[in-house]
């Protein structure tokens, strides 16, 4: 028996044409021209020495020889595709993908990530910093950090910390002149705001990130929330506060490192706790991976 095998491109072109009963359909699937598909099929027919397709009016039919080979070819290409998928999934399993919104990534996660790398130097971590809610079920993302979500469905969720919102500023701004010591002093201060349009939060979660809601919660309704600068990026608003340009409505747990180093302070000791928080979430299947378990254990320890 001869071990000679015709061109795989020709075999692929024939298999796709036979399934679609159309050169054009095969061309669309394989991203080439119908003329190229037709030429490849013709070369395969020359190599086999028999016609594989024939026209019947406007329709395309398989010859007996074509029918004899189609099922095995289709199964073969499916097995090749499955083998490639397995090789790709094996490569990706070595990389831990964590989905997190940009503000949390910049202010909390990234500054602490070096400690994870020191503990687990062989685990490659990819931070997917996006406003979009990642789909953990399909396996493309292994871990997500979500804010203000009450029902995570079938996902496995652990609370990192509850939200606590404070009016934060630089020590220089608080010292003045004029000095800012009481909530009433906010009436003459600049309140740094940020655009929430890109955040896919529920209405109650979104409302807590407006100055108006916070001022009402701490009994400072007399202060106008319209004073000051507005940013399209929360991280820019935080940096502006560090630079002494105004007050930012900040998450005390998320901005803990800036408070610990004294770059930001809470001059009023007034905070609002909206009853929402940050959760680390994953799936039961993902938890079978050692790197996912390592990351979950590490982030829970760091947030304690």
C-alpha atoms as a PDB file:
ATOM      1  CA  UNK A   1       0.000   0.000   0.000  1.00  0.00           C
ATOM      2  CA  UNK A   2       1.357   3.430  -0.945  1.00  0.00           C
ATOM      3  CA  UNK A   3       1.981   5.856   1.944  1.00  0.00           C
ATOM      4  CA  UNK A   4       1.772   8.885  -0.370  1.00  0.00           C
ATOM      5  CA  UNK A   5      -0.688  11.551   0.805  1.00  0.00           C
ATOM      6  CA  UNK A   6      -1.862  14.399  -1.438  1.00  0.00           C
ATOM      7  CA  UNK A   7      -1.512  18.015  -0.375  1.00  0.00           C
ATOM      8  CA  UNK A   8      -3.329  18.738   2.891  1.00  0.00           C
ATOM      9  CA  UNK A   9      -4.476  22.051   1.414  1.00  0.00           C
ATOM     10  CA  UNK A  10      -6.088  20.176  -1.457  1.00  0.00           C
ATOM     11  CA  UNK A  11      -7.718  17.676   0.893  1.00  0.00           C
ATOM     12  CA  UNK A  12      -9.005  20.545   3.072  1.00  0.00           C
ATOM     13  CA  UNK A  13     -10.388  22.367   0.043  1.00  0.00           C
ATOM     14  CA  UNK A  14     -12.228  19.250  -1.128  1.00  0.00           C
ATOM     15  CA  UNK A  15     -13.619  18.453   2.327  1.00  0.00           C
ATOM     16  CA  UNK A  16     -14.960  21.986   2.787  1.00  0.00           C
ATOM     17  CA  UNK A  17     -16.405  22.080  -0.751  1.00  0.00           C
ATOM     18  CA  UNK A  18     -18.089  18.715  -0.235  1.00  0.00           C
ATOM     19  CA  UNK A  19     -19.720  19.867   3.013  1.00  0.00           C
ATOM     20  CA  UNK A  20     -20.914  23.168   1.589  1.00  0.00           C
ATOM     21  CA  UNK A  21     -21.653  21.739  -1.869  1.00  0.00           C
ATOM     22  CA  UNK A  22     -20.154  25.007  -3.060  1.00  0.00           C
ATOM     23  CA  UNK A  23     -16.764  26.419  -4.009  1.00  0.00           C
ATOM     24  CA  UNK A  24     -17.846  29.777  -2.616  1.00  0.00           C
ATOM     25  CA  UNK A  25     -18.924  28.318   0.715  1.00  0.00           C
ATOM     26  CA  UNK A  26     -15.583  26.555   1.066  1.00  0.00           C
ATOM     27  CA  UNK A  27     -13.741  29.725   0.049  1.00  0.00           C
ATOM     28  CA  UNK A  28     -15.555  31.768   2.718  1.00  0.00           C
ATOM     29  CA  UNK A  29     -14.720  29.195   5.385  1.00  0.00           C
ATOM     30  CA  UNK A  30     -11.045  28.955   4.448  1.00  0.00           C
ATOM     31  CA  UNK A  31     -10.601  32.672   3.655  1.00  0.00           C
ATOM     32  CA  UNK A  32      -9.417  32.174   0.067  1.00  0.00           C
ATOM     33  CA  UNK A  33     -10.987  32.759  -3.357  1.00  0.00           C
ATOM     34  CA  UNK A  34     -13.391  30.324  -5.024  1.00  0.00           C
ATOM     35  CA  UNK A  35     -10.920  30.056  -7.909  1.00  0.00           C
ATOM     36  CA  UNK A  36      -8.208  28.887  -5.525  1.00  0.00           C
ATOM     37  CA  UNK A  37     -10.560  26.274  -4.029  1.00  0.00           C
ATOM     38  CA  UNK A  38     -11.532  25.013  -7.475  1.00  0.00           C
ATOM     39  CA  UNK A  39      -7.877  24.731  -8.494  1.00  0.00           C
ATOM     40  CA  UNK A  40      -6.971  22.781  -5.343  1.00  0.00           C
ATOM     41  CA  UNK A  41      -9.870  20.352  -5.852  1.00  0.00           C
ATOM     42  CA  UNK A  42      -8.813  19.848  -9.476  1.00  0.00           C
ATOM     43  CA  UNK A  43      -5.247  19.049  -8.352  1.00  0.00           C
ATOM     44  CA  UNK A  44      -6.600  16.508  -5.863  1.00  0.00           C
ATOM     45  CA  UNK A  45      -8.714  14.882  -8.575  1.00  0.00           C
ATOM     46  CA  UNK A  46      -5.623  14.654 -10.804  1.00  0.00           C
ATOM     47  CA  UNK A  47      -3.665  13.070  -7.953  1.00  0.00           C
ATOM     48  CA  UNK A  48      -6.436  10.558  -7.166  1.00  0.00           C
ATOM     49  CA  UNK A  49      -7.100   9.900 -10.827  1.00  0.00           C
ATOM     50  CA  UNK A  50     -10.880  10.123 -10.405  1.00  0.00           C
ATOM     51  CA  UNK A  51     -13.455  12.951 -10.338  1.00  0.00           C
ATOM     52  CA  UNK A  52     -14.673  13.746  -6.838  1.00  0.00           C
ATOM     53  CA  UNK A  53     -17.357  16.335  -7.611  1.00  0.00           C
ATOM     54  CA  UNK A  54     -19.753  16.854 -10.464  1.00  0.00           C
ATOM     55  CA  UNK A  55     -22.346  19.386 -11.487  1.00  0.00           C
ATOM     56  CA  UNK A  56     -25.998  18.403 -11.667  1.00  0.00           C
ATOM     57  CA  UNK A  57     -27.728  21.442 -13.081  1.00  0.00           C
ATOM     58  CA  UNK A  58     -26.866  24.272 -10.703  1.00  0.00           C
ATOM     59  CA  UNK A  59     -26.242  21.879  -7.833  1.00  0.00           C
ATOM     60  CA  UNK A  60     -22.932  20.237  -6.924  1.00  0.00           C
ATOM     61  CA  UNK A  61     -22.857  16.529  -6.067  1.00  0.00           C
ATOM     62  CA  UNK A  62     -20.207  14.098  -4.891  1.00  0.00           C
ATOM     63  CA  UNK A  63     -19.177  11.167  -7.016  1.00  0.00           C
ATOM     64  CA  UNK A  64     -19.011   7.719  -5.461  1.00  0.00           C
ATOM     65  CA  UNK A  65     -15.259   8.191  -4.957  1.00  0.00           C
ATOM     66  CA  UNK A  66     -15.852  11.560  -3.271  1.00  0.00           C
ATOM     67  CA  UNK A  67     -18.508  10.093  -0.975  1.00  0.00           C
ATOM     68  CA  UNK A  68     -16.162   7.261  -0.030  1.00  0.00           C
ATOM     69  CA  UNK A  69     -13.526   9.662   1.319  1.00  0.00           C
ATOM     70  CA  UNK A  70     -15.595  12.508   2.787  1.00  0.00           C
ATOM     71  CA  UNK A  71     -16.481  11.096   6.212  1.00  0.00           C
ATOM     72  CA  UNK A  72     -12.936   9.997   7.008  1.00  0.00           C
ATOM     73  CA  UNK A  73     -11.526  13.322   5.874  1.00  0.00           C
ATOM     74  CA  UNK A  74     -14.047  15.271   7.977  1.00  0.00           C
ATOM     75  CA  UNK A  75     -13.259  13.152  11.024  1.00  0.00           C
ATOM     76  CA  UNK A  76      -9.557  13.560  10.415  1.00  0.00           C
ATOM     77  CA  UNK A  77      -9.698  17.333  10.232  1.00  0.00           C
ATOM     78  CA  UNK A  78     -11.856  17.438  13.377  1.00  0.00           C
ATOM     79  CA  UNK A  79      -9.243  15.388  15.196  1.00  0.00           C
ATOM     80  CA  UNK A  80      -6.494  17.708  13.974  1.00  0.00           C
ATOM     81  CA  UNK A  81      -8.456  20.734  15.212  1.00  0.00           C
ATOM     82  CA  UNK A  82      -9.022  19.055  18.597  1.00  0.00           C
ATOM     83  CA  UNK A  83      -5.327  18.246  18.893  1.00  0.00           C
ATOM     84  CA  UNK A  84      -4.400  21.878  18.176  1.00  0.00           C
ATOM     85  CA  UNK A  85      -6.965  23.073  20.749  1.00  0.00           C
ATOM     86  CA  UNK A  86      -5.465  20.751  23.345  1.00  0.00           C
ATOM     87  CA  UNK A  87      -1.976  22.070  22.645  1.00  0.00           C
ATOM     88  CA  UNK A  88      -3.222  25.656  22.906  1.00  0.00           C
ATOM     89  CA  UNK A  89      -5.135  24.997  26.133  1.00  0.00           C
ATOM     90  CA  UNK A  90      -2.090  23.320  27.652  1.00  0.00           C
ATOM     91  CA  UNK A  91      -0.035  26.437  26.887  1.00  0.00           C
ATOM     92  CA  UNK A  92      -2.682  28.794  28.288  1.00  0.00           C
ATOM     93  CA  UNK A  93      -3.094  26.724  31.454  1.00  0.00           C
ATOM     94  CA  UNK A  94       0.366  27.888  32.460  1.00  0.00           C
ATOM     95  CA  UNK A  95      -0.898  31.480  32.485  1.00  0.00           C
ATOM     96  CA  UNK A  96      -3.235  32.787  35.167  1.00  0.00           C
ATOM     97  CA  UNK A  97      -5.647  35.400  33.771  1.00  0.00           C
ATOM     98  CA  UNK A  98      -7.135  37.802  36.327  1.00  0.00           C
ATOM     99  CA  UNK A  99      -9.881  40.221  35.310  1.00  0.00           C
ATOM    100  CA  UNK A 100     -10.087  43.453  37.315  1.00  0.00           C
ATOM    101  CA  UNK A 101     -11.248  47.017  36.723  1.00  0.00           C
ATOM    102  CA  UNK A 102      -8.431  49.524  36.026  1.00  0.00           C
ATOM    103  CA  UNK A 103      -8.849  51.572  39.210  1.00  0.00           C
ATOM    104  CA  UNK A 104      -8.610  48.544  41.527  1.00  0.00           C
ATOM    105  CA  UNK A 105      -5.699  47.155  39.518  1.00  0.00           C
ATOM    106  CA  UNK A 106      -3.693  50.383  39.730  1.00  0.00           C
ATOM    107  CA  UNK A 107      -4.487  51.321  43.325  1.00  0.00           C
ATOM    108  CA  UNK A 108      -4.526  47.940  45.086  1.00  0.00           C
ATOM    109  CA  UNK A 109      -3.626  44.832  43.098  1.00  0.00           C
ATOM    110  CA  UNK A 110      -0.565  45.784  41.038  1.00  0.00           C
ATOM    111  CA  UNK A 111       1.389  47.364  43.939  1.00  0.00           C
ATOM    112  CA  UNK A 112       0.991  44.105  45.887  1.00  0.00           C
ATOM    113  CA  UNK A 113       1.547  41.683  43.025  1.00  0.00           C
ATOM    114  CA  UNK A 114       5.304  41.479  43.494  1.00  0.00           C
ATOM    115  CA  UNK A 115       4.759  39.564  46.736  1.00  0.00           C
ATOM    116  CA  UNK A 116       2.773  36.937  44.828  1.00  0.00           C
ATOM    117  CA  UNK A 117       5.558  36.601  42.266  1.00  0.00           C
ATOM    118  CA  UNK A 118       8.108  36.142  45.049  1.00  0.00           C
ATOM    119  CA  UNK A 119       6.006  33.366  46.576  1.00  0.00           C
ATOM    120  CA  UNK A 120       5.171  31.718  43.235  1.00  0.00           C
ATOM    121  CA  UNK A 121       7.840  32.642  40.665  1.00  0.00           C
ATOM    122  CA  UNK A 122       6.769  29.946  38.188  1.00  0.00           C
ATOM    123  CA  UNK A 123       3.183  31.228  37.847  1.00  0.00           C
ATOM    124  CA  UNK A 124       2.695  33.693  35.002  1.00  0.00           C
ATOM    125  CA  UNK A 125      -0.034  36.225  35.806  1.00  0.00           C
ATOM    126  CA  UNK A 126      -1.850  38.252  33.161  1.00  0.00           C
ATOM    127  CA  UNK A 127      -3.851  41.191  34.536  1.00  0.00           C
ATOM    128  CA  UNK A 128      -6.797  41.865  32.229  1.00  0.00           C
ATOM    129  CA  UNK A 129      -7.589  45.444  33.199  1.00  0.00           C
ATOM    130  CA  UNK A 130     -10.937  46.170  31.596  1.00  0.00           C
ATOM    131  CA  UNK A 131     -14.285  47.779  32.354  1.00  0.00           C
ATOM    132  CA  UNK A 132     -16.039  44.785  30.791  1.00  0.00           C
ATOM    133  CA  UNK A 133     -17.322  41.977  33.007  1.00  0.00           C
ATOM    134  CA  UNK A 134     -15.236  38.935  32.066  1.00  0.00           C
ATOM    135  CA  UNK A 135     -16.872  35.610  31.269  1.00  0.00           C
ATOM    136  CA  UNK A 136     -15.341  33.173  33.750  1.00  0.00           C
ATOM    137  CA  UNK A 137     -17.454  30.236  32.615  1.00  0.00           C
ATOM    138  CA  UNK A 138     -15.759  29.789  29.222  1.00  0.00           C
ATOM    139  CA  UNK A 139     -12.338  29.417  30.870  1.00  0.00           C
ATOM    140  CA  UNK A 140     -10.595  32.270  29.033  1.00  0.00           C
ATOM    141  CA  UNK A 141     -10.392  34.145  32.354  1.00  0.00           C
ATOM    142  CA  UNK A 142      -9.561  32.255  35.532  1.00  0.00           C
ATOM    143  CA  UNK A 143     -10.213  34.772  38.311  1.00  0.00           C
ATOM    144  CA  UNK A 144     -12.270  37.957  38.514  1.00  0.00           C
ATOM    145  CA  UNK A 145     -12.425  40.737  41.080  1.00  0.00           C
ATOM    146  CA  UNK A 146     -15.906  42.218  41.160  1.00  0.00           C
ATOM    147  CA  UNK A 147     -17.374  45.169  42.979  1.00  0.00           C
ATOM    148  CA  UNK A 148     -20.912  45.601  44.226  1.00  0.00           C
ATOM    149  CA  UNK A 149     -22.259  42.321  42.807  1.00  0.00           C
ATOM    150  CA  UNK A 150     -24.778  40.717  45.155  1.00  0.00           C
ATOM    151  CA  UNK A 151     -25.422  37.470  43.274  1.00  0.00           C
ATOM    152  CA  UNK A 152     -22.513  35.697  41.568  1.00  0.00           C
ATOM    153  CA  UNK A 153     -24.686  32.845  40.337  1.00  0.00           C
ATOM    154  CA  UNK A 154     -22.817  29.547  40.209  1.00  0.00           C
ATOM    155  CA  UNK A 155     -19.419  31.192  40.662  1.00  0.00           C
ATOM    156  CA  UNK A 156     -17.352  30.623  43.798  1.00  0.00           C
ATOM    157  CA  UNK A 157     -16.972  33.973  45.568  1.00  0.00           C
ATOM    158  CA  UNK A 158     -14.957  35.171  48.564  1.00  0.00           C
ATOM    159  CA  UNK A 159     -15.278  38.638  50.095  1.00  0.00           C
ATOM    160  CA  UNK A 160     -12.048  40.635  50.002  1.00  0.00           C
ATOM    161  CA  UNK A 161     -13.340  43.614  51.969  1.00  0.00           C
ATOM    162  CA  UNK A 162     -16.433  45.744  52.447  1.00  0.00           C
ATOM    163  CA  UNK A 163     -16.510  49.180  50.891  1.00  0.00           C
ATOM    164  CA  UNK A 164     -15.867  52.242  53.034  1.00  0.00           C
ATOM    165  CA  UNK A 165     -15.878  55.650  51.342  1.00  0.00           C
ATOM    166  CA  UNK A 166     -14.043  58.696  52.677  1.00  0.00           C
ATOM    167  CA  UNK A 167     -13.220  62.210  51.530  1.00  0.00           C
ATOM    168  CA  UNK A 168      -9.448  62.103  51.056  1.00  0.00           C
ATOM    169  CA  UNK A 169      -6.895  64.811  50.311  1.00  0.00           C
ATOM    170  CA  UNK A 170      -3.179  65.529  50.599  1.00  0.00           C
ATOM    171  CA  UNK A 171      -1.765  66.652  53.956  1.00  0.00           C
ATOM    172  CA  UNK A 172      -0.676  69.899  52.290  1.00  0.00           C
ATOM    173  CA  UNK A 173      -4.240  70.724  51.234  1.00  0.00           C
ATOM    174  CA  UNK A 174      -5.631  69.927  54.686  1.00  0.00           C
ATOM    175  CA  UNK A 175      -3.091  72.223  56.356  1.00  0.00           C
ATOM    176  CA  UNK A 176      -4.134  75.139  54.147  1.00  0.00           C
ATOM    177  CA  UNK A 177      -4.376  77.980  54.125  1.00  0.00           C
ATOM    178  CA  UNK A 178      -7.175  77.878  54.827  1.00  0.00           C
ATOM    179  CA  UNK A 179      -6.978  74.775  57.056  1.00  0.00           C
ATOM    180  CA  UNK A 180      -9.591  72.089  56.442  1.00  0.00           C
ATOM    181  CA  UNK A 181     -10.677  70.343  59.641  1.00  0.00           C
ATOM    182  CA  UNK A 182     -14.488  70.000  59.605  1.00  0.00           C
ATOM    183  CA  UNK A 183     -16.994  68.731  57.066  1.00  0.00           C
ATOM    184  CA  UNK A 184     -18.298  72.297  56.767  1.00  0.00           C
ATOM    185  CA  UNK A 185     -14.924  73.282  55.304  1.00  0.00           C
ATOM    186  CA  UNK A 186     -15.672  71.160  52.240  1.00  0.00           C
ATOM    187  CA  UNK A 187     -18.013  73.936  51.104  1.00  0.00           C
ATOM    188  CA  UNK A 188     -14.961  75.919  49.961  1.00  0.00           C
ATOM    189  CA  UNK A 189     -12.900  72.967  48.725  1.00  0.00           C
ATOM    190  CA  UNK A 190     -12.570  71.470  45.262  1.00  0.00           C
ATOM    191  CA  UNK A 191     -14.215  68.067  44.901  1.00  0.00           C
ATOM    192  CA  UNK A 192     -12.547  65.867  42.295  1.00  0.00           C
ATOM    193  CA  UNK A 193     -15.073  63.876  40.294  1.00  0.00           C
ATOM    194  CA  UNK A 194     -14.807  61.139  37.699  1.00  0.00           C
ATOM    195  CA  UNK A 195     -16.877  59.855  34.790  1.00  0.00           C
ATOM    196  CA  UNK A 196     -18.851  56.690  35.589  1.00  0.00           C
ATOM    197  CA  UNK A 197     -20.335  56.140  32.124  1.00  0.00           C
ATOM    198  CA  UNK A 198     -18.045  53.205  31.268  1.00  0.00           C
ATOM    199  CA  UNK A 199     -18.754  51.293  34.481  1.00  0.00           C
ATOM    200  CA  UNK A 200     -21.317  48.496  34.097  1.00  0.00           C
ATOM    201  CA  UNK A 201     -22.456  48.792  37.692  1.00  0.00           C
ATOM    202  CA  UNK A 202     -25.930  48.429  39.116  1.00  0.00           C
ATOM    203  CA  UNK A 203     -27.672  51.729  39.899  1.00  0.00           C
ATOM    204  CA  UNK A 204     -27.202  51.443  43.675  1.00  0.00           C
ATOM    205  CA  UNK A 205     -23.484  50.732  43.250  1.00  0.00           C
ATOM    206  CA  UNK A 206     -23.028  53.601  40.803  1.00  0.00           C
ATOM    207  CA  UNK A 207     -24.852  56.078  43.062  1.00  0.00           C
ATOM    208  CA  UNK A 208     -22.430  55.489  45.916  1.00  0.00           C
ATOM    209  CA  UNK A 209     -19.586  56.773  43.763  1.00  0.00           C
ATOM    210  CA  UNK A 210     -21.142  60.223  43.447  1.00  0.00           C
ATOM    211  CA  UNK A 211     -20.268  62.997  45.879  1.00  0.00           C
ATOM    212  CA  UNK A 212     -23.927  63.885  46.340  1.00  0.00           C
ATOM    213  CA  UNK A 213     -24.747  60.463  47.817  1.00  0.00           C
ATOM    214  CA  UNK A 214     -21.746  60.488  50.138  1.00  0.00           C
ATOM    215  CA  UNK A 215     -22.345  64.055  51.349  1.00  0.00           C
ATOM    216  CA  UNK A 216     -25.930  63.167  52.188  1.00  0.00           C
ATOM    217  CA  UNK A 217     -24.839  60.003  54.030  1.00  0.00           C
ATOM    218  CA  UNK A 218     -22.423  61.897  56.300  1.00  0.00           C
ATOM    219  CA  UNK A 219     -24.798  64.817  56.942  1.00  0.00           C
ATOM    220  CA  UNK A 220     -23.139  67.431  54.728  1.00  0.00           C
ATOM    221  CA  UNK A 221     -25.978  68.120  52.312  1.00  0.00           C
ATOM    222  CA  UNK A 222     -25.128  71.827  52.345  1.00  0.00           C
ATOM    223  CA  UNK A 223     -21.921  71.198  50.389  1.00  0.00           C
ATOM    224  CA  UNK A 224     -22.304  71.544  46.617  1.00  0.00           C
ATOM    225  CA  UNK A 225     -20.912  68.501  44.769  1.00  0.00           C
ATOM    226  CA  UNK A 226     -20.454  70.519  41.565  1.00  0.00           C
ATOM    227  CA  UNK A 227     -17.240  72.293  42.593  1.00  0.00           C
ATOM    228  CA  UNK A 228     -13.895  71.123  41.244  1.00  0.00           C
ATOM    229  CA  UNK A 229     -12.405  69.158  38.365  1.00  0.00           C
ATOM    230  CA  UNK A 230     -13.836  66.159  36.541  1.00  0.00           C
ATOM    231  CA  UNK A 231     -11.772  63.304  35.116  1.00  0.00           C
ATOM    232  CA  UNK A 232     -12.565  60.428  32.777  1.00  0.00           C
ATOM    233  CA  UNK A 233     -10.214  58.149  34.753  1.00  0.00           C
ATOM    234  CA  UNK A 234     -10.475  57.504  38.485  1.00  0.00           C
ATOM    235  CA  UNK A 235      -6.717  56.990  38.776  1.00  0.00           C
ATOM    236  CA  UNK A 236      -6.159  60.536  37.475  1.00  0.00           C
ATOM    237  CA  UNK A 237      -8.549  61.872  40.113  1.00  0.00           C
ATOM    238  CA  UNK A 238      -6.558  60.048  42.818  1.00  0.00           C
ATOM    239  CA  UNK A 239      -3.273  61.431  41.497  1.00  0.00           C
ATOM    240  CA  UNK A 240      -4.763  64.923  41.428  1.00  0.00           C
ATOM    241  CA  UNK A 241      -5.728  64.526  45.097  1.00  0.00           C
ATOM    242  CA  UNK A 242      -2.198  63.372  45.959  1.00  0.00           C
ATOM    243  CA  UNK A 243      -0.914  66.491  44.180  1.00  0.00           C
ATOM    244  CA  UNK A 244      -3.087  68.713  46.397  1.00  0.00           C
ATOM    245  CA  UNK A 245      -5.619  69.703  43.754  1.00  0.00           C
ATOM    246  CA  UNK A 246      -8.712  68.744  45.762  1.00  0.00           C
ATOM    247  CA  UNK A 247     -10.622  66.011  47.568  1.00  0.00           C
ATOM    248  CA  UNK A 248     -11.264  62.613  46.018  1.00  0.00           C
ATOM    249  CA  UNK A 249     -14.064  60.316  47.149  1.00  0.00           C
ATOM    250  CA  UNK A 250     -11.906  57.318  47.907  1.00  0.00           C
ATOM    251  CA  UNK A 251     -12.297  53.728  48.946  1.00  0.00           C
ATOM    252  CA  UNK A 252     -10.476  53.358  52.266  1.00  0.00           C
ATOM    253  CA  UNK A 253      -9.555  49.672  51.735  1.00  0.00           C
ATOM    254  CA  UNK A 254      -8.520  50.141  48.096  1.00  0.00           C
ATOM    255  CA  UNK A 255      -6.396  53.244  48.773  1.00  0.00           C
ATOM    256  CA  UNK A 256      -4.981  51.845  52.031  1.00  0.00           C
ATOM    257  CA  UNK A 257      -1.355  52.064  50.823  1.00  0.00           C
ATOM    258  CA  UNK A 258      -1.701  55.791  50.036  1.00  0.00           C
ATOM    259  CA  UNK A 259      -3.184  56.369  53.490  1.00  0.00           C
ATOM    260  CA  UNK A 260      -0.479  54.308  55.197  1.00  0.00           C
ATOM    261  CA  UNK A 261       2.293  56.282  53.489  1.00  0.00           C
ATOM    262  CA  UNK A 262       0.608  59.607  54.227  1.00  0.00           C
ATOM    263  CA  UNK A 263       0.199  60.648  50.605  1.00  0.00           C
ATOM    264  CA  UNK A 264      -3.528  60.944  51.325  1.00  0.00           C
ATOM    265  CA  UNK A 265      -5.290  61.585  54.620  1.00  0.00           C
ATOM    266  CA  UNK A 266      -8.858  61.583  55.939  1.00  0.00           C
ATOM    267  CA  UNK A 267      -9.089  64.915  57.808  1.00  0.00           C
ATOM    268  CA  UNK A 268     -12.702  64.386  58.918  1.00  0.00           C
ATOM    269  CA  UNK A 269     -12.840  60.748  60.122  1.00  0.00           C
ATOM    270  CA  UNK A 270     -16.262  60.512  58.499  1.00  0.00           C
ATOM    271  CA  UNK A 271     -16.993  57.584  56.250  1.00  0.00           C
ATOM    272  CA  UNK A 272     -19.965  55.908  54.580  1.00  0.00           C
ATOM    273  CA  UNK A 273     -20.393  52.150  54.383  1.00  0.00           C
ATOM    274  CA  UNK A 274     -22.807  51.364  51.555  1.00  0.00           C
ATOM    275  CA  UNK A 275     -23.120  47.637  52.291  1.00  0.00           C
ATOM    276  CA  UNK A 276     -21.348  46.541  49.108  1.00  0.00           C
ATOM    277  CA  UNK A 277     -17.849  45.250  48.661  1.00  0.00           C
ATOM    278  CA  UNK A 278     -15.135  43.643  46.569  1.00  0.00           C
ATOM    279  CA  UNK A 279     -15.221  39.908  45.898  1.00  0.00           C
ATOM    280  CA  UNK A 280     -12.723  37.569  44.271  1.00  0.00           C
ATOM    281  CA  UNK A 281     -14.613  35.069  42.119  1.00  0.00           C
ATOM    282  CA  UNK A 282     -13.772  31.988  40.108  1.00  0.00           C
ATOM    283  CA  UNK A 283     -15.361  28.703  39.029  1.00  0.00           C
ATOM    284  CA  UNK A 284     -15.291  25.221  40.542  1.00  0.00           C
ATOM    285  CA  UNK A 285     -13.429  23.963  37.480  1.00  0.00           C
ATOM    286  CA  UNK A 286     -10.790  26.699  37.774  1.00  0.00           C
ATOM    287  CA  UNK A 287     -10.242  25.816  41.438  1.00  0.00           C
ATOM    288  CA  UNK A 288      -8.937  22.430  40.309  1.00  0.00           C
ATOM    289  CA  UNK A 289      -5.851  24.291  39.068  1.00  0.00           C
ATOM    290  CA  UNK A 290      -3.085  24.762  41.619  1.00  0.00           C
ATOM    291  CA  UNK A 291      -2.173  28.263  40.353  1.00  0.00           C
ATOM    292  CA  UNK A 292      -5.758  29.487  40.798  1.00  0.00           C
ATOM    293  CA  UNK A 293      -5.872  28.164  44.357  1.00  0.00           C
ATOM    294  CA  UNK A 294      -2.523  29.815  45.093  1.00  0.00           C
ATOM    295  CA  UNK A 295      -3.757  33.167  43.836  1.00  0.00           C
ATOM    296  CA  UNK A 296      -7.058  32.970  45.725  1.00  0.00           C
ATOM    297  CA  UNK A 297      -5.267  32.070  48.972  1.00  0.00           C
ATOM    298  CA  UNK A 298      -2.738  34.865  48.459  1.00  0.00           C
ATOM    299  CA  UNK A 299      -5.245  37.629  47.714  1.00  0.00           C
ATOM    300  CA  UNK A 300      -7.473  36.642  50.640  1.00  0.00           C
ATOM    301  CA  UNK A 301      -4.453  36.753  52.944  1.00  0.00           C
ATOM    302  CA  UNK A 302      -3.412  40.166  51.593  1.00  0.00           C
ATOM    303  CA  UNK A 303      -6.897  41.628  52.034  1.00  0.00           C
ATOM    304  CA  UNK A 304      -7.369  40.340  55.583  1.00  0.00           C
END
